[in-house]
PDB file of N, CA and C in Angstrom:
ATOM      1  N   MET A   1     151.525  43.285  87.019  1.00  0.00           N
ATOM      2  CA  MET A   1     150.805  44.484  87.461  1.00  0.00           C
ATOM      3  C   MET A   1     149.497  44.414  88.136  1.00  0.00           C
ATOM      4  N   PRO A   2     149.939  45.128  89.450  1.00  0.00           N
ATOM      5  CA  PRO A   2     148.859  44.773  90.019  1.00  0.00           C
ATOM      6  C   PRO A   2     147.358  45.828  89.530  1.00  0.00           C
ATOM      7  N   VAL A   3     146.715  45.737  90.355  1.00  0.00           N
ATOM      8  CA  VAL A   3     145.212  46.152  90.277  1.00  0.00           C
ATOM      9  C   VAL A   3     144.654  47.010  91.669  1.00  0.00           C
ATOM     10  N   ASN A   4     144.363  48.213  91.141  1.00  0.00           N
ATOM     11  CA  ASN A   4     144.139  49.290  91.840  1.00  0.00           C
ATOM     12  C   ASN A   4     142.698  49.135  92.391  1.00  0.00           C
ATOM     13  N   LYS A   5     142.561  49.212  93.856  1.00  0.00           N
ATOM     14  CA  LYS A   5     141.459  48.710  94.575  1.00  0.00           C
ATOM     15  C   LYS A   5     140.772  49.620  94.248  1.00  0.00           C
ATOM     16  N   PRO A   6     139.654  49.816  93.629  1.00  0.00           N
ATOM     17  CA  PRO A   6     137.563  50.430  93.417  1.00  0.00           C
ATOM     18  C   PRO A   6     138.092  52.368  94.547  1.00  0.00           C
ATOM     19  N   THR A   7     137.963  53.275  94.076  1.00  0.00           N
ATOM     20  CA  THR A   7     138.148  54.188  94.967  1.00  0.00           C
ATOM     21  C   THR A   7     136.555  54.899  94.763  1.00  0.00           C
ATOM     22  N   LEU A   8     135.900  55.238  95.848  1.00  0.00           N
ATOM     23  CA  LEU A   8     134.623  56.309  95.627  1.00  0.00           C
ATOM     24  C   LEU A   8     134.884  57.548  95.279  1.00  0.00           C
ATOM     25  N   LYS A   9     134.659  57.865  94.241  1.00  0.00           N
ATOM     26  CA  LYS A   9     134.395  59.399  93.858  1.00  0.00           C
ATOM     27  C   LYS A   9     133.036  59.965  93.730  1.00  0.00           C
ATOM     28  N   THR A  10     133.227  61.254  93.674  1.00  0.00           N
ATOM     29  CA  THR A  10     132.056  61.634  93.409  1.00  0.00           C
ATOM     30  C   THR A  10     132.406  62.916  92.135  1.00  0.00           C
ATOM     31  N   CYS A  11     131.596  63.379  91.267  1.00  0.00           N
ATOM     32  CA  CYS A  11     131.729  63.846  90.167  1.00  0.00           C
ATOM     33  C   CYS A  11     131.489  65.265  90.631  1.00  0.00           C
ATOM     34  N   LYS A  12     131.443  66.869  89.565  1.00  0.00           N
ATOM     35  CA  LYS A  12     131.247  67.613  90.006  1.00  0.00           C
ATOM     36  C   LYS A  12     129.506  68.292  89.856  1.00  0.00           C
ATOM     37  N   LYS A  13     128.867  67.163  89.567  1.00  0.00           N
ATOM     38  CA  LYS A  13     127.125  67.339  89.460  1.00  0.00           C
ATOM     39  C   LYS A  13     126.355  66.396  91.020  1.00  0.00           C
ATOM     40  N   GLY A  14     127.671  65.792  91.524  1.00  0.00           N
ATOM     41  CA  GLY A  14     127.732  65.265  93.403  1.00  0.00           C
ATOM     42  C   GLY A  14     127.493  63.897  92.651  1.00  0.00           C
ATOM     43  N   HIS A  15     127.657  62.971  91.333  1.00  0.00           N
ATOM     44  CA  HIS A  15     127.446  61.155  91.244  1.00  0.00           C
ATOM     45  C   HIS A  15     128.504  60.631  92.100  1.00  0.00           C
ATOM     46  N   LYS A  16     128.176  59.830  92.588  1.00  0.00           N
ATOM     47  CA  LYS A  16     129.357  59.209  93.192  1.00  0.00           C
ATOM     48  C   LYS A  16     129.309  57.721  92.453  1.00  0.00           C
ATOM     49  N   PHE A  17     130.623  57.406  92.669  1.00  0.00           N
ATOM     50  CA  PHE A  17     130.676  56.206  91.674  1.00  0.00           C
ATOM     51  C   PHE A  17     132.018  56.059  91.861  1.00  0.00           C
ATOM     52  N   TYR A  18     132.912  54.543  91.506  1.00  0.00           N
ATOM     53  CA  TYR A  18     133.844  53.593  91.877  1.00  0.00           C
ATOM     54  C   TYR A  18     134.421  54.024  90.979  1.00  0.00           C
ATOM     55  N   LYS A  19     135.785  54.278  90.603  1.00  0.00           N
ATOM     56  CA  LYS A  19     136.896  54.134  90.034  1.00  0.00           C
ATOM     57  C   LYS A  19     138.141  53.136  90.438  1.00  0.00           C
ATOM     58  N   SER A  20     139.044  52.817  89.358  1.00  0.00           N
ATOM     59  CA  SER A  20     140.067  51.751  89.962  1.00  0.00           C
ATOM     60  C   SER A  20     140.916  52.511  89.455  1.00  0.00           C
ATOM     61  N   SER A  21     141.249  53.607  88.650  1.00  0.00           N
ATOM     62  CA  SER A  21     141.825  54.039  87.957  1.00  0.00           C
ATOM     63  C   SER A  21     142.055  55.580  88.475  1.00  0.00           C
ATOM     64  N   ASP A  22     142.882  56.779  87.870  1.00  0.00           N
ATOM     65  CA  ASP A  22     142.716  57.808  87.927  1.00  0.00           C
ATOM     66  C   ASP A  22     141.554  58.199  86.897  1.00  0.00           C
ATOM     67  N   CYS A  23     141.036  57.759  85.911  1.00  0.00           N
ATOM     68  CA  CYS A  23     140.585  58.431  85.013  1.00  0.00           C
ATOM     69  C   CYS A  23     139.253  59.634  85.835  1.00  0.00           C
ATOM     70  N   PRO A  24     139.242  60.593  85.261  1.00  0.00           N
ATOM     71  CA  PRO A  24     138.214  61.295  85.839  1.00  0.00           C
ATOM     72  C   PRO A  24     136.395  61.662  85.511  1.00  0.00           C
ATOM     73  N   ILE A  25     136.506  60.613  84.569  1.00  0.00           N
ATOM     74  CA  ILE A  25     135.231  60.094  83.840  1.00  0.00           C
ATOM     75  C   ILE A  25     134.038  59.948  84.652  1.00  0.00           C
ATOM     76  N   CYS A  26     132.912  60.866  84.735  1.00  0.00           N
ATOM     77  CA  CYS A  26     132.089  59.920  85.883  1.00  0.00           C
ATOM     78  C   CYS A  26     131.246  59.439  84.609  1.00  0.00           C
ATOM     79  N   PRO A  27     131.152  58.074  85.023  1.00  0.00           N
ATOM     80  CA  PRO A  27     130.292  56.963  84.037  1.00  0.00           C
ATOM     81  C   PRO A  27     128.835  57.427  84.123  1.00  0.00           C
ATOM     82  N   ILE A  28     128.043  57.920  85.165  1.00  0.00           N
ATOM     83  CA  ILE A  28     126.621  58.648  84.993  1.00  0.00           C
ATOM     84  C   ILE A  28     126.637  59.538  83.980  1.00  0.00           C
ATOM     85  N   CYS A  29     127.752  60.611  84.686  1.00  0.00           N
ATOM     86  CA  CYS A  29     127.371  61.768  83.663  1.00  0.00           C
ATOM     87  C   CYS A  29     127.881  61.607  81.889  1.00  0.00           C
ATOM     88  N   GLU A  30     128.504  60.531  81.749  1.00  0.00           N
ATOM     89  CA  GLU A  30     128.949  60.045  80.460  1.00  0.00           C
ATOM     90  C   GLU A  30     127.345  59.010  80.213  1.00  0.00           C
ATOM     91  N   GLU A  31     127.015  58.818  80.577  1.00  0.00           N
ATOM     92  CA  GLU A  31     125.779  57.976  79.782  1.00  0.00           C
ATOM     93  C   GLU A  31     124.682  58.990  79.975  1.00  0.00           C
ATOM     94  N   GLU A  32     124.674  60.121  80.744  1.00  0.00           N
ATOM     95  CA  GLU A  32     123.612  60.866  80.332  1.00  0.00           C
ATOM     96  C   GLU A  32     123.393  62.003  79.361  1.00  0.00           C
ATOM     97  N   ARG A  33     125.354  61.830  78.705  1.00  0.00           N
ATOM     98  CA  ARG A  33     124.974  62.519  77.759  1.00  0.00           C
ATOM     99  C   ARG A  33     125.886  61.980  76.451  1.00  0.00           C
ATOM    100  N   LYS A  34     125.091  60.579  76.490  1.00  0.00           N
ATOM    101  CA  LYS A  34     125.159  59.739  75.379  1.00  0.00           C
ATOM    102  C   LYS A  34     124.372  59.992  74.426  1.00  0.00           C
ATOM    103  N   PRO A  35     124.603  60.393  73.056  1.00  0.00           N
ATOM    104  CA  PRO A  35     123.536  60.671  71.967  1.00  0.00           C
ATOM    105  C   PRO A  35     122.650  59.275  71.991  1.00  0.00           C
ATOM    106  N   THR A  36     121.639  59.453  71.583  1.00  0.00           N
ATOM    107  CA  THR A  36     120.327  58.409  70.932  1.00  0.00           C
ATOM    108  C   THR A  36     120.465  57.950  70.067  1.00  0.00           C
ATOM    109  N   ASP A  37     120.384  59.207  69.262  1.00  0.00           N
ATOM    110  CA  ASP A  37     120.003  59.185  67.473  1.00  0.00           C
ATOM    111  C   ASP A  37     120.801  59.193  66.841  1.00  0.00           C
ATOM    112  N   HIS A  38     122.122  59.406  67.076  1.00  0.00           N
ATOM    113  CA  HIS A  38     123.028  59.491  66.399  1.00  0.00           C
ATOM    114  C   HIS A  38     124.199  59.089  65.386  1.00  0.00           C
ATOM    115  N   PHE A  39     124.928  58.708  64.814  1.00  0.00           N
ATOM    116  CA  PHE A  39     126.324  57.424  64.971  1.00  0.00           C
ATOM    117  C   PHE A  39     127.235  57.693  65.925  1.00  0.00           C
ATOM    118  N   LEU A  40     127.409  58.404  66.782  1.00  0.00           N
ATOM    119  CA  LEU A  40     128.447  58.763  67.796  1.00  0.00           C
ATOM    120  C   LEU A  40     127.485  57.758  68.850  1.00  0.00           C
ATOM    121  N   SER A  41     126.149  57.494  68.904  1.00  0.00           N
ATOM    122  CA  SER A  41     125.578  56.551  69.836  1.00  0.00           C
ATOM    123  C   SER A  41     125.671  55.049  69.735  1.00  0.00           C
ATOM    124  N   LEU A  42     126.297  54.976  68.328  1.00  0.00           N
ATOM    125  CA  LEU A  42     126.950  53.489  68.521  1.00  0.00           C
ATOM    126  C   LEU A  42     127.900  52.889  68.770  1.00  0.00           C
ATOM    127  N   ILE A  43     128.594  53.711  69.087  1.00  0.00           N
ATOM    128  CA  ILE A  43     129.931  53.324  69.638  1.00  0.00           C
ATOM    129  C   ILE A  43     130.241  54.131  71.097  1.00  0.00           C
ATOM    130  N   ALA A  44     131.398  53.244  71.704  1.00  0.00           N
ATOM    131  CA  ALA A  44     131.956  52.796  73.210  1.00  0.00           C
ATOM    132  C   ALA A  44     132.200  54.405  73.341  1.00  0.00           C
ATOM    133  N   ALA A  45     131.989  55.158  74.871  1.00  0.00           N
ATOM    134  CA  ALA A  45     132.330  55.832  75.466  1.00  0.00           C
ATOM    135  C   ALA A  45     133.765  56.684  74.884  1.00  0.00           C
ATOM    136  N   PRO A  46     134.427  55.621  75.034  1.00  0.00           N
ATOM    137  CA  PRO A  46     135.942  56.439  75.101  1.00  0.00           C
ATOM    138  C   PRO A  46     136.387  56.878  73.157  1.00  0.00           C
ATOM    139  N   ALA A  47     135.575  55.879  72.382  1.00  0.00           N
ATOM    140  CA  ALA A  47     135.658  55.790  71.163  1.00  0.00           C
ATOM    141  C   ALA A  47     134.755  57.238  70.454  1.00  0.00           C
ATOM    142  N   ARG A  48     133.718  57.381  71.163  1.00  0.00           N
ATOM    143  CA  ARG A  48     132.956  58.659  70.985  1.00  0.00           C
ATOM    144  C   ARG A  48     134.006  59.697  71.914  1.00  0.00           C
ATOM    145  N   ARG A  49     134.594  60.150  72.785  1.00  0.00           N
ATOM    146  CA  ARG A  49     134.691  61.246  73.191  1.00  0.00           C
ATOM    147  C   ARG A  49     136.387  61.994  72.315  1.00  0.00           C
ATOM    148  N   ALA A  50     137.106  60.229  71.932  1.00  0.00           N
ATOM    149  CA  ALA A  50     137.911  60.668  70.437  1.00  0.00           C
ATOM    150  C   ALA A  50     137.622  61.378  69.568  1.00  0.00           C
ATOM    151  N   LEU A  51     136.781  61.272  69.281  1.00  0.00           N
ATOM    152  CA  LEU A  51     135.860  61.702  67.701  1.00  0.00           C
ATOM    153  C   LEU A  51     135.462  63.155  68.314  1.00  0.00           C
ATOM    154  N   GLU A  52     134.559  63.203  69.052  1.00  0.00           N
ATOM    155  CA  GLU A  52     134.120  64.404  69.842  1.00  0.00           C
ATOM    156  C   GLU A  52     135.449  65.564  70.172  1.00  0.00           C
ATOM    157  N   ARG A  53     136.209  65.015  70.850  1.00  0.00           N
ATOM    158  CA  ARG A  53     137.929  65.713  70.929  1.00  0.00           C
ATOM    159  C   ARG A  53     138.389  66.654  69.449  1.00  0.00           C
ATOM    160  N   GLU A  54     138.210  65.457  68.649  1.00  0.00           N
ATOM    161  CA  GLU A  54     139.051  66.286  67.062  1.00  0.00           C
ATOM    162  C   GLU A  54     137.920  66.875  66.459  1.00  0.00           C
ATOM    163  N   GLY A  55     136.748  67.056  66.915  1.00  0.00           N
ATOM    164  CA  GLY A  55     135.759  67.731  66.183  1.00  0.00           C
ATOM    165  C   GLY A  55     134.636  67.112  65.053  1.00  0.00           C
ATOM    166  N   ILE A  56     134.890  65.214  65.308  1.00  0.00           N
ATOM    167  CA  ILE A  56     134.181  64.506  64.077  1.00  0.00           C
ATOM    168  C   ILE A  56     132.808  64.352  64.877  1.00  0.00           C
ATOM    169  N   ILE A  57     131.764  65.374  64.424  1.00  0.00           N
ATOM    170  CA  ILE A  57     130.183  65.127  65.172  1.00  0.00           C
ATOM    171  C   ILE A  57     129.465  64.669  63.963  1.00  0.00           C
ATOM    172  N   THR A  58     130.479  64.753  62.393  1.00  0.00           N
ATOM    173  CA  THR A  58     129.339  64.127  61.612  1.00  0.00           C
ATOM    174  C   THR A  58     129.841  63.277  60.406  1.00  0.00           C
ATOM    175  N   LEU A  59     128.954  62.716  60.088  1.00  0.00           N
ATOM    176  CA  LEU A  59     129.629  61.594  59.231  1.00  0.00           C
ATOM    177  C   LEU A  59     129.838  61.947  57.991  1.00  0.00           C
ATOM    178  N   GLU A  60     129.794  63.044  57.525  1.00  0.00           N
ATOM    179  CA  GLU A  60     130.514  63.968  56.403  1.00  0.00           C
ATOM    180  C   GLU A  60     131.905  64.397  56.837  1.00  0.00           C
ATOM    181  N   LYS A  61     132.245  64.711  58.026  1.00  0.00           N
ATOM    182  CA  LYS A  61     133.640  65.089  58.333  1.00  0.00           C
ATOM    183  C   LYS A  61     134.535  63.653  58.422  1.00  0.00           C
ATOM    184  N   LEU A  62     133.559  62.645  59.354  1.00  0.00           N
ATOM    185  CA  LEU A  62     133.798  61.327  59.522  1.00  0.00           C
ATOM    186  C   LEU A  62     134.287  60.412  58.103  1.00  0.00           C
ATOM    187  N   ALA A  63     133.705  60.743  57.485  1.00  0.00           N
ATOM    188  CA  ALA A  63     134.257  60.348  55.774  1.00  0.00           C
ATOM    189  C   ALA A  63     135.533  60.959  55.369  1.00  0.00           C
ATOM    190  N   THR A  64     136.033  61.864  55.492  1.00  0.00           N
ATOM    191  CA  THR A  64     137.457  62.596  55.256  1.00  0.00           C
ATOM    192  C   THR A  64     138.372  61.880  55.448  1.00  0.00           C
ATOM    193  N   LEU A  65     138.584  61.213  56.632  1.00  0.00           N
ATOM    194  CA  LEU A  65     139.278  60.519  57.582  1.00  0.00           C
ATOM    195  C   LEU A  65     139.551  59.271  56.944  1.00  0.00           C
ATOM    196  N   SER A  66     140.899  58.623  57.011  1.00  0.00           N
ATOM    197  CA  SER A  66     141.016  57.254  56.802  1.00  0.00           C
ATOM    198  C   SER A  66     140.686  55.869  57.398  1.00  0.00           C
ATOM    199  N   GLU A  67     140.570  54.761  57.700  1.00  0.00           N
ATOM    200  CA  GLU A  67     140.925  53.761  58.796  1.00  0.00           C
ATOM    201  C   GLU A  67     142.120  54.423  59.226  1.00  0.00           C
ATOM    202  N   LYS A  68     143.151  53.937  58.942  1.00  0.00           N
ATOM    203  CA  LYS A  68     144.278  54.413  59.784  1.00  0.00           C
ATOM    204  C   LYS A  68     144.529  55.544  60.165  1.00  0.00           C
ATOM    205  N   GLU A  69     143.710  56.462  59.693  1.00  0.00           N
ATOM    206  CA  GLU A  69     143.704  57.801  60.329  1.00  0.00           C
ATOM    207  C   GLU A  69     142.755  57.621  61.770  1.00  0.00           C
ATOM    208  N   ILE A  70     141.895  57.210  61.748  1.00  0.00           N
ATOM    209  CA  ILE A  70     140.905  57.075  63.184  1.00  0.00           C
ATOM    210  C   ILE A  70     141.452  55.869  64.017  1.00  0.00           C
ATOM    211  N   LEU A  71     142.147  54.938  63.485  1.00  0.00           N
ATOM    212  CA  LEU A  71     143.045  54.278  64.708  1.00  0.00           C
ATOM    213  C   LEU A  71     143.934  54.836  65.589  1.00  0.00           C
ATOM    214  N   THR A  72     144.557  56.077  64.849  1.00  0.00           N
ATOM    215  CA  THR A  72     145.275  56.726  65.355  1.00  0.00           C
ATOM    216  C   THR A  72     145.278  57.520  66.670  1.00  0.00           C
ATOM    217  N   LEU A  73     143.573  57.471  66.688  1.00  0.00           N
ATOM    218  CA  LEU A  73     143.003  58.492  68.061  1.00  0.00           C
ATOM    219  C   LEU A  73     142.857  57.302  69.405  1.00  0.00           C
ATOM    220  N   HIS A  74     143.667  58.351  70.012  1.00  0.00           N
ATOM    221  CA  HIS A  74     143.351  57.703  71.564  1.00  0.00           C
ATOM    222  C   HIS A  74     141.917  57.716  71.924  1.00  0.00           C
ATOM    223  N   GLY A  75     141.956  55.971  72.262  1.00  0.00           N
ATOM    224  CA  GLY A  75     140.138  55.537  72.437  1.00  0.00           C
ATOM    225  C   GLY A  75     139.923  54.488  71.691  1.00  0.00           C
ATOM    226  N   ILE A  76     140.092  54.710  69.872  1.00  0.00           N
ATOM    227  CA  ILE A  76     139.570  53.888  69.241  1.00  0.00           C
ATOM    228  C   ILE A  76     139.925  52.596  68.824  1.00  0.00           C
ATOM    229  N   GLY A  77     139.244  51.436  68.926  1.00  0.00           N
ATOM    230  CA  GLY A  77     140.250  50.460  68.191  1.00  0.00           C
ATOM    231  C   GLY A  77     139.658  49.642  67.426  1.00  0.00           C
ATOM    232  N   LYS A  78     140.134  48.635  67.036  1.00  0.00           N
ATOM    233  CA  LYS A  78     139.952  48.128  65.729  1.00  0.00           C
ATOM    234  C   LYS A  78     138.266  47.529  65.577  1.00  0.00           C
ATOM    235  N   SER A  79     137.498  47.496  67.136  1.00  0.00           N
ATOM    236  CA  SER A  79     135.932  47.113  66.759  1.00  0.00           C
ATOM    237  C   SER A  79     135.045  48.133  66.704  1.00  0.00           C
ATOM    238  N   THR A  80     135.839  49.235  66.781  1.00  0.00           N
ATOM    239  CA  THR A  80     135.084  50.815  66.530  1.00  0.00           C
ATOM    240  C   THR A  80     134.837  51.083  64.835  1.00  0.00           C
ATOM    241  N   LEU A  81     135.609  50.496  64.326  1.00  0.00           N
ATOM    242  CA  LEU A  81     135.914  50.453  62.750  1.00  0.00           C
ATOM    243  C   LEU A  81     134.090  49.765  61.929  1.00  0.00           C
ATOM    244  N   PRO A  82     133.982  48.734  61.962  1.00  0.00           N
ATOM    245  CA  PRO A  82     132.637  48.093  61.625  1.00  0.00           C
ATOM    246  C   PRO A  82     131.549  48.983  61.919  1.00  0.00           C
ATOM    247  N   LYS A  83     131.209  49.588  63.162  1.00  0.00           N
ATOM    248  CA  LYS A  83     130.374  50.747  63.386  1.00  0.00           C
ATOM    249  C   LYS A  83     130.237  51.718  62.872  1.00  0.00           C
ATOM    250  N   LEU A  84     132.006  52.157  62.759  1.00  0.00           N
ATOM    251  CA  LEU A  84     131.662  53.335  62.299  1.00  0.00           C
ATOM    252  C   LEU A  84     131.484  53.252  60.392  1.00  0.00           C
ATOM    253  N   ASN A  85     132.020  52.150  60.150  1.00  0.00           N
ATOM    254  CA  ASN A  85     131.576  51.756  58.467  1.00  0.00           C
ATOM    255  C   ASN A  85     130.452  51.345  58.517  1.00  0.00           C
ATOM    256  N   THR A  86     129.412  50.819  58.858  1.00  0.00           N
ATOM    257  CA  THR A  86     128.127  50.997  58.759  1.00  0.00           C
ATOM    258  C   THR A  86     127.516  52.203  58.620  1.00  0.00           C
ATOM    259  N   ALA A  87     127.261  52.661  59.409  1.00  0.00           N
ATOM    260  CA  ALA A  87     126.830  53.846  59.870  1.00  0.00           C
ATOM    261  C   ALA A  87     127.218  55.015  58.639  1.00  0.00           C
ATOM    262  N   LEU A  88     128.393  54.813  58.387  1.00  0.00           N
ATOM    263  CA  LEU A  88     128.784  55.691  56.838  1.00  0.00           C
ATOM    264  C   LEU A  88     128.441  55.321  55.315  1.00  0.00           C
ATOM    265  N   ARG A  89     128.075  53.804  55.574  1.00  0.00           N
ATOM    266  CA  ARG A  89     127.666  53.133  54.643  1.00  0.00           C
ATOM    267  C   ARG A  89     126.602  53.740  54.118  1.00  0.00           C
ATOM    268  N   ASN A  90     125.093  53.226  55.421  1.00  0.00           N
ATOM    269  CA  ASN A  90     123.836  53.886  55.405  1.00  0.00           C
ATOM    270  C   ASN A  90     123.977  54.978  55.263  1.00  0.00           C
ATOM    271  N   ALA A  91     124.663  55.711  55.346  1.00  0.00           N
ATOM    272  CA  ALA A  91     124.126  57.353  54.691  1.00  0.00           C
ATOM    273  C   ALA A  91     124.552  57.950  53.930  1.00  0.00           C
ATOM    274  N   GLY A  92     125.710  56.695  52.769  1.00  0.00           N
ATOM    275  CA  GLY A  92     126.175  57.016  51.474  1.00  0.00           C
ATOM    276  C   GLY A  92     127.614  57.623  51.327  1.00  0.00           C
ATOM    277  N   TYR A  93     128.097  57.291  52.466  1.00  0.00           N
ATOM    278  CA  TYR A  93     129.686  57.547  52.976  1.00  0.00           C
ATOM    279  C   TYR A  93     130.103  56.709  52.743  1.00  0.00           C
ATOM    280  N   THR A  94     131.673  56.473  52.731  1.00  0.00           N
ATOM    281  CA  THR A  94     132.850  55.848  52.931  1.00  0.00           C
ATOM    282  C   THR A  94     133.989  56.126  53.511  1.00  0.00           C
ATOM    283  N   LEU A  95     134.811  55.344  54.576  1.00  0.00           N
ATOM    284  CA  LEU A  95     135.747  56.403  54.390  1.00  0.00           C
ATOM    285  C   LEU A  95     136.943  56.259  53.461  1.00  0.00           C
ATOM    286  N   LEU A  96     137.809  57.227  53.397  1.00  0.00           N
ATOM    287  CA  LEU A  96     138.997  57.361  52.355  1.00  0.00           C
ATOM    288  C   LEU A  96     139.580  56.060  52.606  1.00  0.00           C
ATOM    289  N   LYS A  97     140.822  55.524  51.407  1.00  0.00           N
ATOM    290  CA  LYS A  97     141.450  54.510  51.428  1.00  0.00           C
ATOM    291  C   LYS A  97     142.810  55.167  51.645  1.00  0.00           C
ATOM    292  N   ALA A  98     143.381  54.209  52.516  1.00  0.00           N
ATOM    293  CA  ALA A  98     144.627  54.860  53.272  1.00  0.00           C
ATOM    294  C   ALA A  98     145.796  55.417  51.751  1.00  0.00           C
ATOM    295  N   GLN A  99     146.483  56.061  52.080  1.00  0.00           N
ATOM    296  CA  GLN A  99     147.447  56.638  51.076  1.00  0.00           C
ATOM    297  C   GLN A  99     148.683  56.224  50.936  1.00  0.00           C
TER     298      GLN A  99
END
């Protein structure tokens, strides 16, 4: 599969960045909006966006899901689960067991 040559792009805020895909996400804006003291700060941006897209922005809400449900979200991979499980455990929660 051929790799696209990185293209210079400019976001709505005027940040310039190179991307080799059609992904519209500005890495500078993404870094600026990354939480610093929240469980979402522990995971990669695609996984964070996947949870935010589903309205999962609290550990309480996250704890209502199973690992299987979380893994169905586009942007979340198996490497994210240990980080989420640690954050949940530290707050006294666990993910639901698959049924």
